[in-house]
Amino acid sequence: MKKTQIVIRKDGSKRGSSRAVRYAECQKNHAANIGGYAVDGCREFMASGGEGTGGALTCAACSCHRNFHRREVESEVVCENS
């Protein structure tokens, strides 16, 4: 999943950056309601639906929300346009 951020400077030029973001292992504590700690072992987020659907934020492997998975920024590319 790539995210793009465009910044418009006061002088009118644009600067954009694109980051490759990956969601790694699930960190959801399934035993929190009984005072324990247990994770399910899901190693990587896999979307259950396509981009723009409700399933894009749900993991196909463990059925939890993407926010429970550890976020990793793999690389950042900066583009400058005048």
PDB file of N, CA and C in Angstrom:
ATOM      1  N   MET A   1       0.850  -1.162   0.000  1.00  0.00           N
ATOM      2  CA  MET A   1       0.000   0.000   0.000  1.00  0.00           C
ATOM      3  C   MET A   1       0.898   1.228   0.000  1.00  0.00           C
ATOM      4  N   LYS A   2       0.689   2.124  -0.958  1.00  0.00           N
ATOM      5  CA  LYS A   2       1.471   3.342  -1.038  1.00  0.00           C
ATOM      6  C   LYS A   2       0.613   4.528  -0.663  1.00  0.00           C
ATOM      7  N   LYS A   3       1.210   5.456   0.042  1.00  0.00           N
ATOM      8  CA  LYS A   3       0.535   6.690   0.401  1.00  0.00           C
ATOM      9  C   LYS A   3       1.335   7.836  -0.191  1.00  0.00           C
ATOM     10  N   THR A   4       0.646   8.831  -0.720  1.00  0.00           N
ATOM     11  CA  THR A   4       1.308   9.974  -1.322  1.00  0.00           C
ATOM     12  C   THR A   4       0.901  11.236  -0.584  1.00  0.00           C
ATOM     13  N   GLN A   5       1.875  12.065  -0.300  1.00  0.00           N
ATOM     14  CA  GLN A   5       1.620  13.325   0.384  1.00  0.00           C
ATOM     15  C   GLN A   5       2.177  14.440  -0.481  1.00  0.00           C
ATOM     16  N   ILE A   6       1.350  15.420  -0.805  1.00  0.00           N
ATOM     17  CA  ILE A   6       1.767  16.562  -1.610  1.00  0.00           C
ATOM     18  C   ILE A   6       1.807  17.793  -0.716  1.00  0.00           C
ATOM     19  N   VAL A   7       2.926  18.512  -0.758  1.00  0.00           N
ATOM     20  CA  VAL A   7       3.091  19.732   0.025  1.00  0.00           C
ATOM     21  C   VAL A   7       3.287  20.870  -0.959  1.00  0.00           C
ATOM     22  N   ILE A   8       2.464  21.920  -0.850  1.00  0.00           N
ATOM     23  CA  ILE A   8       2.604  23.098  -1.704  1.00  0.00           C
ATOM     24  C   ILE A   8       3.304  24.179  -0.896  1.00  0.00           C
ATOM     25  N   ARG A   9       4.424  24.609  -1.406  1.00  0.00           N
ATOM     26  CA  ARG A   9       5.228  25.624  -0.714  1.00  0.00           C
ATOM     27  C   ARG A   9       4.706  27.022  -1.014  1.00  0.00           C
ATOM     28  N   LYS A  10       5.162  27.987  -0.238  1.00  0.00           N
ATOM     29  CA  LYS A  10       4.731  29.378  -0.424  1.00  0.00           C
ATOM     30  C   LYS A  10       5.157  29.929  -1.780  1.00  0.00           C
ATOM     31  N   ASP A  11       6.282  29.433  -2.323  1.00  0.00           N
ATOM     32  CA  ASP A  11       6.744  29.920  -3.621  1.00  0.00           C
ATOM     33  C   ASP A  11       6.012  29.256  -4.788  1.00  0.00           C
ATOM     34  N   GLY A  12       5.048  28.364  -4.516  1.00  0.00           N
ATOM     35  CA  GLY A  12       4.234  27.762  -5.559  1.00  0.00           C
ATOM     36  C   GLY A  12       4.724  26.417  -6.057  1.00  0.00           C
ATOM     37  N   SER A  13       5.944  26.006  -5.661  1.00  0.00           N
ATOM     38  CA  SER A  13       6.444  24.709  -6.118  1.00  0.00           C
ATOM     39  C   SER A  13       5.819  23.583  -5.291  1.00  0.00           C
ATOM     40  N   LYS A  14       5.822  22.390  -5.849  1.00  0.00           N
ATOM     41  CA  LYS A  14       5.236  21.238  -5.171  1.00  0.00           C
ATOM     42  C   LYS A  14       6.323  20.244  -4.800  1.00  0.00           C
ATOM     43  N   ARG A  15       6.115  19.565  -3.700  1.00  0.00           N
ATOM     44  CA  ARG A  15       7.038  18.532  -3.242  1.00  0.00           C
ATOM     45  C   ARG A  15       6.186  17.346  -2.823  1.00  0.00           C
ATOM     46  N   GLY A  16       6.426  16.199  -3.394  1.00  0.00           N
ATOM     47  CA  GLY A  16       5.637  15.016  -3.070  1.00  0.00           C
ATOM     48  C   GLY A  16       6.516  13.900  -2.556  1.00  0.00           C
ATOM     49  N   SER A  17       5.948  13.041  -1.755  1.00  0.00           N
ATOM     50  CA  SER A  17       6.691  11.892  -1.274  1.00  0.00           C
ATOM     51  C   SER A  17       5.787  10.677  -1.321  1.00  0.00           C
ATOM     52  N   SER A  18       6.365   9.540  -1.598  1.00  0.00           N
ATOM     53  CA  SER A  18       5.620   8.291  -1.664  1.00  0.00           C
ATOM     54  C   SER A  18       6.319   7.293  -0.751  1.00  0.00           C
ATOM     55  N   ARG A  19       5.539   6.665   0.133  1.00  0.00           N
ATOM     56  CA  ARG A  19       6.118   5.721   1.075  1.00  0.00           C
ATOM     57  C   ARG A  19       5.517   4.346   0.853  1.00  0.00           C
ATOM     58  N   ALA A  20       6.369   3.328   0.878  1.00  0.00           N
ATOM     59  CA  ALA A  20       5.885   1.954   0.805  1.00  0.00           C
ATOM     60  C   ALA A  20       5.657   1.493   2.236  1.00  0.00           C
ATOM     61  N   VAL A  21       4.397   1.212   2.581  1.00  0.00           N
ATOM     62  CA  VAL A  21       4.033   0.813   3.936  1.00  0.00           C
ATOM     63  C   VAL A  21       3.621  -0.644   3.920  1.00  0.00           C
ATOM     64  N   ARG A  22       4.126  -1.406   4.886  1.00  0.00           N
ATOM     65  CA  ARG A  22       3.802  -2.817   5.013  1.00  0.00           C
ATOM     66  C   ARG A  22       3.315  -3.053   6.426  1.00  0.00           C
ATOM     67  N   TYR A  23       2.340  -3.939   6.589  1.00  0.00           N
ATOM     68  CA  TYR A  23       1.813  -4.260   7.912  1.00  0.00           C
ATOM     69  C   TYR A  23       2.272  -5.662   8.270  1.00  0.00           C
ATOM     70  N   ALA A  24       3.037  -5.780   9.337  1.00  0.00           N
ATOM     71  CA  ALA A  24       3.663  -7.046   9.735  1.00  0.00           C
ATOM     72  C   ALA A  24       2.780  -7.804  10.725  1.00  0.00           C
ATOM     73  N   GLU A  25       3.388  -8.468  11.688  1.00  0.00           N
ATOM     74  CA  GLU A  25       2.663  -9.387  12.580  1.00  0.00           C
ATOM     75  C   GLU A  25       1.581  -8.702  13.405  1.00  0.00           C
ATOM     76  N   CYS A  26       0.556  -9.498  13.725  1.00  0.00           N
ATOM     77  CA  CYS A  26      -0.578  -9.026  14.503  1.00  0.00           C
ATOM     78  C   CYS A  26      -0.183  -8.942  15.978  1.00  0.00           C
ATOM     79  N   GLN A  27      -0.552  -7.853  16.624  1.00  0.00           N
ATOM     80  CA  GLN A  27      -0.215  -7.655  18.028  1.00  0.00           C
ATOM     81  C   GLN A  27      -1.452  -7.582  18.907  1.00  0.00           C
ATOM     82  N   LYS A  28      -2.591  -8.058  18.405  1.00  0.00           N
ATOM     83  CA  LYS A  28      -3.830  -8.018  19.175  1.00  0.00           C
ATOM     84  C   LYS A  28      -3.756  -8.999  20.338  1.00  0.00           C
ATOM     85  N   ASN A  29      -4.075  -8.517  21.531  1.00  0.00           N
ATOM     86  CA  ASN A  29      -4.063  -9.344  22.734  1.00  0.00           C
ATOM     87  C   ASN A  29      -5.452  -9.978  22.903  1.00  0.00           C
ATOM     88  N   HIS A  30      -5.548 -11.268  22.611  1.00  0.00           N
ATOM     89  CA  HIS A  30      -6.835 -11.955  22.671  1.00  0.00           C
ATOM     90  C   HIS A  30      -7.250 -12.312  24.099  1.00  0.00           C
ATOM     91  N   ALA A  31      -6.342 -12.244  25.053  1.00  0.00           N
ATOM     92  CA  ALA A  31      -6.652 -12.606  26.431  1.00  0.00           C
ATOM     93  C   ALA A  31      -6.725 -11.396  27.356  1.00  0.00           C
ATOM     94  N   ALA A  32      -6.894 -10.214  26.807  1.00  0.00           N
ATOM     95  CA  ALA A  32      -6.916  -8.996  27.615  1.00  0.00           C
ATOM     96  C   ALA A  32      -8.092  -8.965  28.587  1.00  0.00           C
ATOM     97  N   ASN A  33      -9.237  -9.520  28.184  1.00  0.00           N
ATOM     98  CA  ASN A  33     -10.413  -9.450  29.059  1.00  0.00           C
ATOM     99  C   ASN A  33     -10.304 -10.352  30.286  1.00  0.00           C
ATOM    100  N   ILE A  34      -9.358 -11.304  30.293  1.00  0.00           N
ATOM    101  CA  ILE A  34      -9.160 -12.146  31.479  1.00  0.00           C
ATOM    102  C   ILE A  34      -7.850 -11.826  32.197  1.00  0.00           C
ATOM    103  N   GLY A  35      -7.187 -10.737  31.764  1.00  0.00           N
ATOM    104  CA  GLY A  35      -5.967 -10.292  32.427  1.00  0.00           C
ATOM    105  C   GLY A  35      -4.702 -10.984  31.951  1.00  0.00           C
ATOM    106  N   GLY A  36      -4.750 -11.693  30.855  1.00  0.00           N
ATOM    107  CA  GLY A  36      -3.577 -12.391  30.330  1.00  0.00           C
ATOM    108  C   GLY A  36      -3.036 -11.736  29.080  1.00  0.00           C
ATOM    109  N   TYR A  37      -2.133 -12.454  28.425  1.00  0.00           N
ATOM    110  CA  TYR A  37      -1.557 -11.975  27.177  1.00  0.00           C
ATOM    111  C   TYR A  37      -1.418 -13.152  26.229  1.00  0.00           C
ATOM    112  N   ALA A  38      -2.069 -13.087  25.076  1.00  0.00           N
ATOM    113  CA  ALA A  38      -1.983 -14.142  24.069  1.00  0.00           C
ATOM    114  C   ALA A  38      -2.216 -13.535  22.697  1.00  0.00           C
ATOM    115  N   VAL A  39      -1.305 -13.788  21.780  1.00  0.00           N
ATOM    116  CA  VAL A  39      -1.467 -13.346  20.395  1.00  0.00           C
ATOM    117  C   VAL A  39      -1.726 -14.565  19.532  1.00  0.00           C
ATOM    118  N   ASP A  40      -2.306 -14.355  18.350  1.00  0.00           N
ATOM    119  CA  ASP A  40      -2.696 -15.492  17.518  1.00  0.00           C
ATOM    120  C   ASP A  40      -1.605 -16.002  16.590  1.00  0.00           C
ATOM    121  N   GLY A  41      -0.519 -15.283  16.419  1.00  0.00           N
ATOM    122  CA  GLY A  41       0.582 -15.754  15.589  1.00  0.00           C
ATOM    123  C   GLY A  41       0.491 -15.358  14.135  1.00  0.00           C
ATOM    124  N   CYS A  42      -0.453 -14.516  13.758  1.00  0.00           N
ATOM    125  CA  CYS A  42      -0.574 -14.050  12.378  1.00  0.00           C
ATOM    126  C   CYS A  42       0.681 -13.239  12.044  1.00  0.00           C
ATOM    127  N   ARG A  43       1.398 -13.623  11.018  1.00  0.00           N
ATOM    128  CA  ARG A  43       2.700 -13.019  10.714  1.00  0.00           C
ATOM    129  C   ARG A  43       2.649 -11.806   9.784  1.00  0.00           C
ATOM    130  N   GLU A  44       1.563 -11.663   8.987  1.00  0.00           N
ATOM    131  CA  GLU A  44       1.501 -10.550   8.048  1.00  0.00           C
ATOM    132  C   GLU A  44       0.054 -10.240   7.702  1.00  0.00           C
ATOM    133  N   PHE A  45      -0.244  -8.953   7.523  1.00  0.00           N
ATOM    134  CA  PHE A  45      -1.589  -8.525   7.153  1.00  0.00           C
ATOM    135  C   PHE A  45      -1.859  -8.858   5.697  1.00  0.00           C
ATOM    136  N   MET A  46      -2.975  -9.532   5.433  1.00  0.00           N
ATOM    137  CA  MET A  46      -3.444  -9.802   4.077  1.00  0.00           C
ATOM    138  C   MET A  46      -4.888  -9.311   4.003  1.00  0.00           C
ATOM    139  N   ALA A  47      -5.143  -8.339   3.150  1.00  0.00           N
ATOM    140  CA  ALA A  47      -6.484  -7.766   3.042  1.00  0.00           C
ATOM    141  C   ALA A  47      -7.471  -8.796   2.515  1.00  0.00           C
ATOM    142  N   SER A  48      -8.676  -8.820   3.096  1.00  0.00           N
ATOM    143  CA  SER A  48      -9.689  -9.763   2.632  1.00  0.00           C
ATOM    144  C   SER A  48     -10.499  -9.237   1.473  1.00  0.00           C
ATOM    145  N   GLY A  49     -10.351  -7.972   1.123  1.00  0.00           N
ATOM    146  CA  GLY A  49     -11.073  -7.385  -0.002  1.00  0.00           C
ATOM    147  C   GLY A  49     -10.182  -6.447  -0.779  1.00  0.00           C
ATOM    148  N   GLY A  50     -10.698  -5.949  -1.873  1.00  0.00           N
ATOM    149  CA  GLY A  50      -9.946  -5.028  -2.713  1.00  0.00           C
ATOM    150  C   GLY A  50      -9.893  -3.620  -2.134  1.00  0.00           C
ATOM    151  N   GLU A  51      -9.025  -2.804  -2.707  1.00  0.00           N
ATOM    152  CA  GLU A  51      -8.853  -1.415  -2.281  1.00  0.00           C
ATOM    153  C   GLU A  51     -10.171  -0.661  -2.419  1.00  0.00           C
ATOM    154  N   GLY A  52     -10.568   0.060  -1.389  1.00  0.00           N
ATOM    155  CA  GLY A  52     -11.795   0.831  -1.405  1.00  0.00           C
ATOM    156  C   GLY A  52     -13.014   0.090  -0.884  1.00  0.00           C
ATOM    157  N   THR A  53     -12.866  -1.170  -0.516  1.00  0.00           N
ATOM    158  CA  THR A  53     -13.980  -1.935   0.043  1.00  0.00           C
ATOM    159  C   THR A  53     -13.805  -2.069   1.546  1.00  0.00           C
ATOM    160  N   GLY A  54     -14.814  -2.561   2.234  1.00  0.00           N
ATOM    161  CA  GLY A  54     -14.726  -2.758   3.677  1.00  0.00           C
ATOM    162  C   GLY A  54     -13.716  -3.834   4.061  1.00  0.00           C
ATOM    163  N   GLY A  55     -13.509  -4.795   3.177  1.00  0.00           N
ATOM    164  CA  GLY A  55     -12.569  -5.873   3.450  1.00  0.00           C
ATOM    165  C   GLY A  55     -11.111  -5.468   3.328  1.00  0.00           C
ATOM    166  N   ALA A  56     -10.827  -4.278   2.815  1.00  0.00           N
ATOM    167  CA  ALA A  56      -9.448  -3.820   2.662  1.00  0.00           C
ATOM    168  C   ALA A  56      -8.777  -3.574   4.005  1.00  0.00           C
ATOM    169  N   LEU A  57      -9.563  -3.378   5.059  1.00  0.00           N
ATOM    170  CA  LEU A  57      -9.014  -3.116   6.385  1.00  0.00           C
ATOM    171  C   LEU A  57      -9.107  -4.322   7.315  1.00  0.00           C
ATOM    172  N   THR A  58      -9.611  -5.455   6.817  1.00  0.00           N
ATOM    173  CA  THR A  58      -9.758  -6.664   7.624  1.00  0.00           C
ATOM    174  C   THR A  58      -8.766  -7.713   7.145  1.00  0.00           C
ATOM    175  N   CYS A  59      -8.039  -8.328   8.062  1.00  0.00           N
ATOM    176  CA  CYS A  59      -7.040  -9.337   7.722  1.00  0.00           C
ATOM    177  C   CYS A  59      -7.734 -10.659   7.364  1.00  0.00           C
ATOM    178  N   ALA A  60      -7.327 -11.258   6.255  1.00  0.00           N
ATOM    179  CA  ALA A  60      -7.907 -12.526   5.823  1.00  0.00           C
ATOM    180  C   ALA A  60      -7.426 -13.683   6.697  1.00  0.00           C
ATOM    181  N   ALA A  61      -6.253 -13.564   7.302  1.00  0.00           N
ATOM    182  CA  ALA A  61      -5.694 -14.651   8.100  1.00  0.00           C
ATOM    183  C   ALA A  61      -6.266 -14.710   9.513  1.00  0.00           C
ATOM    184  N   CYS A  62      -6.392 -13.547  10.172  1.00  0.00           N
ATOM    185  CA  CYS A  62      -6.811 -13.559  11.578  1.00  0.00           C
ATOM    186  C   CYS A  62      -8.114 -12.801  11.836  1.00  0.00           C
ATOM    187  N   SER A  63      -8.716 -12.208  10.817  1.00  0.00           N
ATOM    188  CA  SER A  63     -10.006 -11.495  10.882  1.00  0.00           C
ATOM    189  C   SER A  63     -10.019 -10.284  11.803  1.00  0.00           C
ATOM    190  N   CYS A  64      -8.874  -9.688  12.068  1.00  0.00           N
ATOM    191  CA  CYS A  64      -8.856  -8.478  12.887  1.00  0.00           C
ATOM    192  C   CYS A  64      -8.585  -7.260  12.000  1.00  0.00           C
ATOM    193  N   HIS A  65      -8.708  -6.059  12.564  1.00  0.00           N
ATOM    194  CA  HIS A  65      -8.515  -4.818  11.833  1.00  0.00           C
ATOM    195  C   HIS A  65      -7.032  -4.591  11.565  1.00  0.00           C
ATOM    196  N   ARG A  66      -6.736  -3.853  10.504  1.00  0.00           N
ATOM    197  CA  ARG A  66      -5.347  -3.581  10.111  1.00  0.00           C
ATOM    198  C   ARG A  66      -4.571  -2.848  11.199  1.00  0.00           C
ATOM    199  N   ASN A  67      -5.244  -2.063  12.055  1.00  0.00           N
ATOM    200  CA  ASN A  67      -4.562  -1.303  13.101  1.00  0.00           C
ATOM    201  C   ASN A  67      -3.866  -2.197  14.129  1.00  0.00           C
ATOM    202  N   PHE A  68      -4.285  -3.453  14.250  1.00  0.00           N
ATOM    203  CA  PHE A  68      -3.642  -4.351  15.201  1.00  0.00           C
ATOM    204  C   PHE A  68      -2.305  -4.876  14.691  1.00  0.00           C
ATOM    205  N   HIS A  69      -2.016  -4.701  13.412  1.00  0.00           N
ATOM    206  CA  HIS A  69      -0.761  -5.176  12.832  1.00  0.00           C
ATOM    207  C   HIS A  69       0.298  -4.085  12.912  1.00  0.00           C
ATOM    208  N   ARG A  70       1.544  -4.505  13.173  1.00  0.00           N
ATOM    209  CA  ARG A  70       2.650  -3.560  13.305  1.00  0.00           C
ATOM    210  C   ARG A  70       2.948  -2.935  11.946  1.00  0.00           C
ATOM    211  N   ARG A  71       3.031  -1.612  11.900  1.00  0.00           N
ATOM    212  CA  ARG A  71       3.258  -0.871  10.664  1.00  0.00           C
ATOM    213  C   ARG A  71       4.747  -0.662  10.435  1.00  0.00           C
ATOM    214  N   GLU A  72       5.211  -0.959   9.214  1.00  0.00           N
ATOM    215  CA  GLU A  72       6.610  -0.758   8.840  1.00  0.00           C
ATOM    216  C   GLU A  72       6.667   0.114   7.596  1.00  0.00           C
ATOM    217  N   VAL A  73       7.488   1.165   7.623  1.00  0.00           N
ATOM    218  CA  VAL A  73       7.718   1.997   6.448  1.00  0.00           C
ATOM    219  C   VAL A  73       8.972   1.455   5.791  1.00  0.00           C
ATOM    220  N   GLU A  74       8.813   0.887   4.584  1.00  0.00           N
ATOM    221  CA  GLU A  74       9.935   0.236   3.907  1.00  0.00           C
ATOM    222  C   GLU A  74      10.877   1.215   3.234  1.00  0.00           C
ATOM    223  N   SER A  75      10.336   2.195   2.512  1.00  0.00           N
ATOM    224  CA  SER A  75      11.192   3.165   1.827  1.00  0.00           C
ATOM    225  C   SER A  75      10.409   4.454   1.639  1.00  0.00           C
ATOM    226  N   GLU A  76      11.144   5.502   1.356  1.00  0.00           N
ATOM    227  CA  GLU A  76      10.509   6.790   1.096  1.00  0.00           C
ATOM    228  C   GLU A  76      11.167   7.419  -0.114  1.00  0.00           C
ATOM    229  N   VAL A  77      10.354   7.841  -1.069  1.00  0.00           N
ATOM    230  CA  VAL A  77      10.835   8.477  -2.285  1.00  0.00           C
ATOM    231  C   VAL A  77      10.316   9.906  -2.287  1.00  0.00           C
ATOM    232  N   VAL A  78      11.203  10.869  -2.489  1.00  0.00           N
ATOM    233  CA  VAL A  78      10.814  12.278  -2.497  1.00  0.00           C
ATOM    234  C   VAL A  78      10.985  12.809  -3.909  1.00  0.00           C
ATOM    235  N   CYS A  79       9.931  13.447  -4.430  1.00  0.00           N
ATOM    236  CA  CYS A  79       9.949  14.035  -5.769  1.00  0.00           C
ATOM    237  C   CYS A  79       9.781  15.534  -5.635  1.00  0.00           C
ATOM    238  N   GLU A  80      10.606  16.302  -6.315  1.00  0.00           N
ATOM    239  CA  GLU A  80      10.475  17.748  -6.277  1.00  0.00           C
ATOM    240  C   GLU A  80      10.128  18.244  -7.667  1.00  0.00           C
ATOM    241  N   ASN A  81       9.093  19.058  -7.761  1.00  0.00           N
ATOM    242  CA  ASN A  81       8.668  19.675  -9.023  1.00  0.00           C
ATOM    243  C   ASN A  81       8.636  21.175  -8.841  1.00  0.00           C
ATOM    244  N   SER A  82       9.063  21.890  -9.853  1.00  0.00           N
ATOM    245  CA  SER A  82       9.032  23.368  -9.780  1.00  0.00           C
ATOM    246  C   SER A  82       7.849  23.908 -10.514  1.00  0.00           C
TER     247      SER A  82
END
